[in-house]
């Protein structure tokens, strides 16, 4: 498994997906903020689960999304 932080950029997401495929990956997942959810959906990702995550003492909604290869 390879873990990587990617900020929303279509060409960068596609590059990560392509590299995962070259390395034999079968899916790519992302922890996605509320504001980035539509972007990742447009890139072919689907919702796996919704979560609430702590950050600096506050709780934030988060969505785990994945894209099958």
N, C-alpha and C. Protein backbone atom coordinates (compact mmCIF):
# COMPACT_ATOMS: atom_id res chain seq x y z
N UNK A 1 0.85 -1.17 0.00
CA UNK A 1 0.00 0.00 0.00
C UNK A 1 0.89 1.23 0.00
N UNK A 2 0.51 2.21 -0.81
CA UNK A 2 1.24 3.46 -0.89
C UNK A 2 0.30 4.57 -0.40
N UNK A 3 0.76 5.42 0.50
CA UNK A 3 -0.04 6.52 1.01
C UNK A 3 0.58 7.82 0.55
N UNK A 4 -0.28 8.73 0.11
CA UNK A 4 0.21 9.98 -0.45
C UNK A 4 -0.83 11.07 -0.22
N UNK A 5 -0.41 12.26 0.12
CA UNK A 5 -1.30 13.40 0.23
C UNK A 5 -1.33 14.11 -1.12
N UNK A 6 -2.54 14.29 -1.64
CA UNK A 6 -2.70 14.94 -2.94
C UNK A 6 -3.72 16.06 -2.79
N UNK A 7 -3.34 17.26 -3.17
CA UNK A 7 -4.28 18.37 -3.17
C UNK A 7 -4.99 18.36 -4.52
N UNK A 8 -6.25 18.75 -4.53
CA UNK A 8 -7.13 18.61 -5.68
C UNK A 8 -6.59 19.25 -6.95
N UNK A 9 -6.06 18.44 -7.83
CA UNK A 9 -5.60 18.85 -9.15
C UNK A 9 -5.86 17.66 -10.07
N UNK A 10 -6.67 17.82 -11.11
CA UNK A 10 -7.02 16.67 -11.95
C UNK A 10 -5.81 15.93 -12.51
N UNK A 11 -4.82 16.63 -13.00
CA UNK A 11 -3.67 15.94 -13.59
C UNK A 11 -2.87 15.19 -12.54
N UNK A 12 -2.82 15.73 -11.32
CA UNK A 12 -2.08 15.06 -10.25
C UNK A 12 -2.81 13.80 -9.79
N UNK A 13 -4.13 13.88 -9.65
CA UNK A 13 -4.91 12.69 -9.28
C UNK A 13 -4.75 11.61 -10.34
N UNK A 14 -4.83 11.98 -11.61
CA UNK A 14 -4.66 10.99 -12.68
C UNK A 14 -3.26 10.38 -12.67
N UNK A 15 -2.25 11.19 -12.35
CA UNK A 15 -0.89 10.67 -12.27
C UNK A 15 -0.75 9.66 -11.13
N UNK A 16 -1.38 9.95 -9.99
CA UNK A 16 -1.34 9.02 -8.85
C UNK A 16 -2.06 7.72 -9.21
N UNK A 17 -3.22 7.83 -9.84
CA UNK A 17 -3.97 6.64 -10.26
C UNK A 17 -3.15 5.81 -11.25
N UNK A 18 -2.52 6.47 -12.21
CA UNK A 18 -1.70 5.75 -13.19
C UNK A 18 -0.52 5.05 -12.53
N UNK A 19 0.13 5.73 -11.60
CA UNK A 19 1.27 5.12 -10.91
C UNK A 19 0.82 3.94 -10.06
N UNK A 20 -0.30 4.06 -9.40
CA UNK A 20 -0.84 2.94 -8.62
C UNK A 20 -1.10 1.74 -9.52
N UNK A 21 -1.63 1.99 -10.71
CA UNK A 21 -1.86 0.91 -11.67
C UNK A 21 -0.57 0.25 -12.12
N UNK A 22 0.45 1.06 -12.39
CA UNK A 22 1.75 0.50 -12.79
C UNK A 22 2.35 -0.36 -11.69
N UNK A 23 2.04 -0.02 -10.45
CA UNK A 23 2.58 -0.79 -9.31
C UNK A 23 1.67 -1.96 -8.92
N UNK A 24 0.66 -2.23 -9.70
CA UNK A 24 -0.20 -3.38 -9.45
C UNK A 24 -1.37 -3.09 -8.53
N UNK A 25 -1.63 -1.83 -8.25
CA UNK A 25 -2.76 -1.48 -7.38
C UNK A 25 -4.09 -1.80 -8.03
N UNK A 26 -5.08 -2.07 -7.20
CA UNK A 26 -6.42 -2.37 -7.69
C UNK A 26 -7.42 -1.28 -7.35
N UNK A 27 -7.04 -0.38 -6.43
CA UNK A 27 -7.90 0.75 -6.07
C UNK A 27 -7.06 1.86 -5.48
N UNK A 28 -7.60 3.06 -5.55
CA UNK A 28 -7.00 4.23 -4.93
C UNK A 28 -8.06 4.82 -4.01
N UNK A 29 -7.69 5.14 -2.78
CA UNK A 29 -8.66 5.74 -1.86
C UNK A 29 -8.18 7.11 -1.44
N UNK A 30 -9.14 7.91 -0.97
CA UNK A 30 -8.82 9.27 -0.54
C UNK A 30 -9.68 9.66 0.65
N UNK A 31 -9.09 10.34 1.63
CA UNK A 31 -9.83 10.99 2.70
C UNK A 31 -10.17 12.38 2.19
N UNK A 32 -11.44 12.65 2.01
CA UNK A 32 -11.88 13.83 1.28
C UNK A 32 -12.70 14.76 2.17
N UNK A 33 -12.39 16.04 2.09
CA UNK A 33 -13.17 17.05 2.82
C UNK A 33 -14.51 17.25 2.12
N UNK A 34 -15.42 17.90 2.82
CA UNK A 34 -16.74 18.19 2.25
C UNK A 34 -16.60 19.00 0.96
N UNK A 35 -15.70 19.96 0.96
CA UNK A 35 -15.55 20.82 -0.22
C UNK A 35 -14.91 20.11 -1.40
N UNK A 36 -14.16 19.04 -1.17
CA UNK A 36 -13.49 18.32 -2.25
C UNK A 36 -14.29 17.11 -2.76
N UNK A 37 -15.39 16.79 -2.12
CA UNK A 37 -16.15 15.59 -2.47
C UNK A 37 -16.62 15.60 -3.94
N UNK A 38 -17.17 16.70 -4.40
CA UNK A 38 -17.65 16.78 -5.79
C UNK A 38 -16.49 16.63 -6.78
N UNK A 39 -15.35 17.21 -6.46
CA UNK A 39 -14.17 17.08 -7.33
C UNK A 39 -13.80 15.61 -7.49
N UNK A 40 -13.67 14.87 -6.38
CA UNK A 40 -13.27 13.48 -6.46
C UNK A 40 -14.35 12.62 -7.12
N UNK A 41 -15.62 12.95 -6.92
CA UNK A 41 -16.70 12.22 -7.60
C UNK A 41 -16.57 12.40 -9.11
N UNK A 42 -16.25 13.62 -9.55
CA UNK A 42 -16.05 13.88 -10.98
C UNK A 42 -14.85 13.13 -11.53
N UNK A 43 -13.89 12.77 -10.66
CA UNK A 43 -12.69 12.04 -11.07
C UNK A 43 -12.91 10.51 -11.02
N UNK A 44 -14.17 10.09 -10.75
CA UNK A 44 -14.48 8.66 -10.77
C UNK A 44 -14.44 7.97 -9.41
N UNK A 45 -14.28 8.73 -8.34
CA UNK A 45 -14.27 8.16 -6.99
C UNK A 45 -15.70 8.01 -6.48
N UNK A 46 -15.94 6.98 -5.67
CA UNK A 46 -17.25 6.77 -5.05
C UNK A 46 -17.09 6.75 -3.54
N UNK A 47 -18.17 7.09 -2.85
CA UNK A 47 -18.15 7.16 -1.38
C UNK A 47 -18.08 5.75 -0.80
N UNK A 48 -17.15 5.54 0.13
CA UNK A 48 -17.04 4.30 0.88
C UNK A 48 -17.74 4.47 2.23
N UNK A 49 -17.42 5.57 2.91
CA UNK A 49 -18.06 5.86 4.20
C UNK A 49 -17.84 7.34 4.55
N UNK A 50 -18.72 7.84 5.40
CA UNK A 50 -18.60 9.18 5.92
C UNK A 50 -18.15 9.09 7.37
N UNK A 51 -17.31 10.02 7.78
CA UNK A 51 -16.74 10.01 9.12
C UNK A 51 -16.72 11.42 9.68
N UNK A 52 -16.47 11.51 10.98
CA UNK A 52 -16.18 12.79 11.64
C UNK A 52 -14.78 12.64 12.21
N UNK A 53 -13.88 13.54 11.82
CA UNK A 53 -12.47 13.43 12.23
C UNK A 53 -12.06 14.63 13.09
N UNK A 54 -11.28 14.37 14.15
CA UNK A 54 -10.78 15.49 14.95
C UNK A 54 -9.57 16.15 14.29
N UNK A 55 -9.49 17.46 14.43
CA UNK A 55 -8.33 18.21 13.94
C UNK A 55 -8.19 19.46 14.79
N UNK A 56 -7.06 19.59 15.47
CA UNK A 56 -6.78 20.75 16.33
C UNK A 56 -7.92 21.02 17.32
N UNK A 57 -8.46 19.97 17.91
CA UNK A 57 -9.49 20.12 18.93
C UNK A 57 -10.90 20.31 18.42
N UNK A 58 -11.10 20.35 17.11
CA UNK A 58 -12.45 20.49 16.54
C UNK A 58 -12.77 19.23 15.74
N UNK A 59 -14.05 18.98 15.51
CA UNK A 59 -14.49 17.81 14.75
C UNK A 59 -14.96 18.28 13.36
N UNK A 60 -14.50 17.57 12.33
CA UNK A 60 -14.82 17.92 10.95
C UNK A 60 -15.40 16.73 10.20
N UNK A 61 -16.42 16.97 9.36
CA UNK A 61 -16.93 15.88 8.52
C UNK A 61 -15.89 15.51 7.47
N UNK A 62 -15.83 14.25 7.15
CA UNK A 62 -14.84 13.73 6.21
C UNK A 62 -15.49 12.57 5.45
N UNK A 63 -15.07 12.34 4.24
CA UNK A 63 -15.60 11.24 3.45
C UNK A 63 -14.44 10.42 2.92
N UNK A 64 -14.52 9.11 3.08
CA UNK A 64 -13.55 8.21 2.48
C UNK A 64 -14.13 7.80 1.13
N UNK A 65 -13.35 8.03 0.07
CA UNK A 65 -13.79 7.69 -1.29
C UNK A 65 -12.74 6.80 -1.92
N UNK A 66 -13.16 6.00 -2.91
CA UNK A 66 -12.20 5.17 -3.62
C UNK A 66 -12.53 5.09 -5.09
N UNK A 67 -11.52 4.75 -5.86
CA UNK A 67 -11.67 4.55 -7.30
C UNK A 67 -11.05 3.22 -7.64
N UNK A 68 -11.84 2.33 -8.23
CA UNK A 68 -11.34 1.03 -8.66
C UNK A 68 -10.51 1.19 -9.92
N UNK A 69 -9.49 0.37 -10.07
CA UNK A 69 -8.64 0.45 -11.24
C UNK A 69 -9.26 -0.34 -12.38
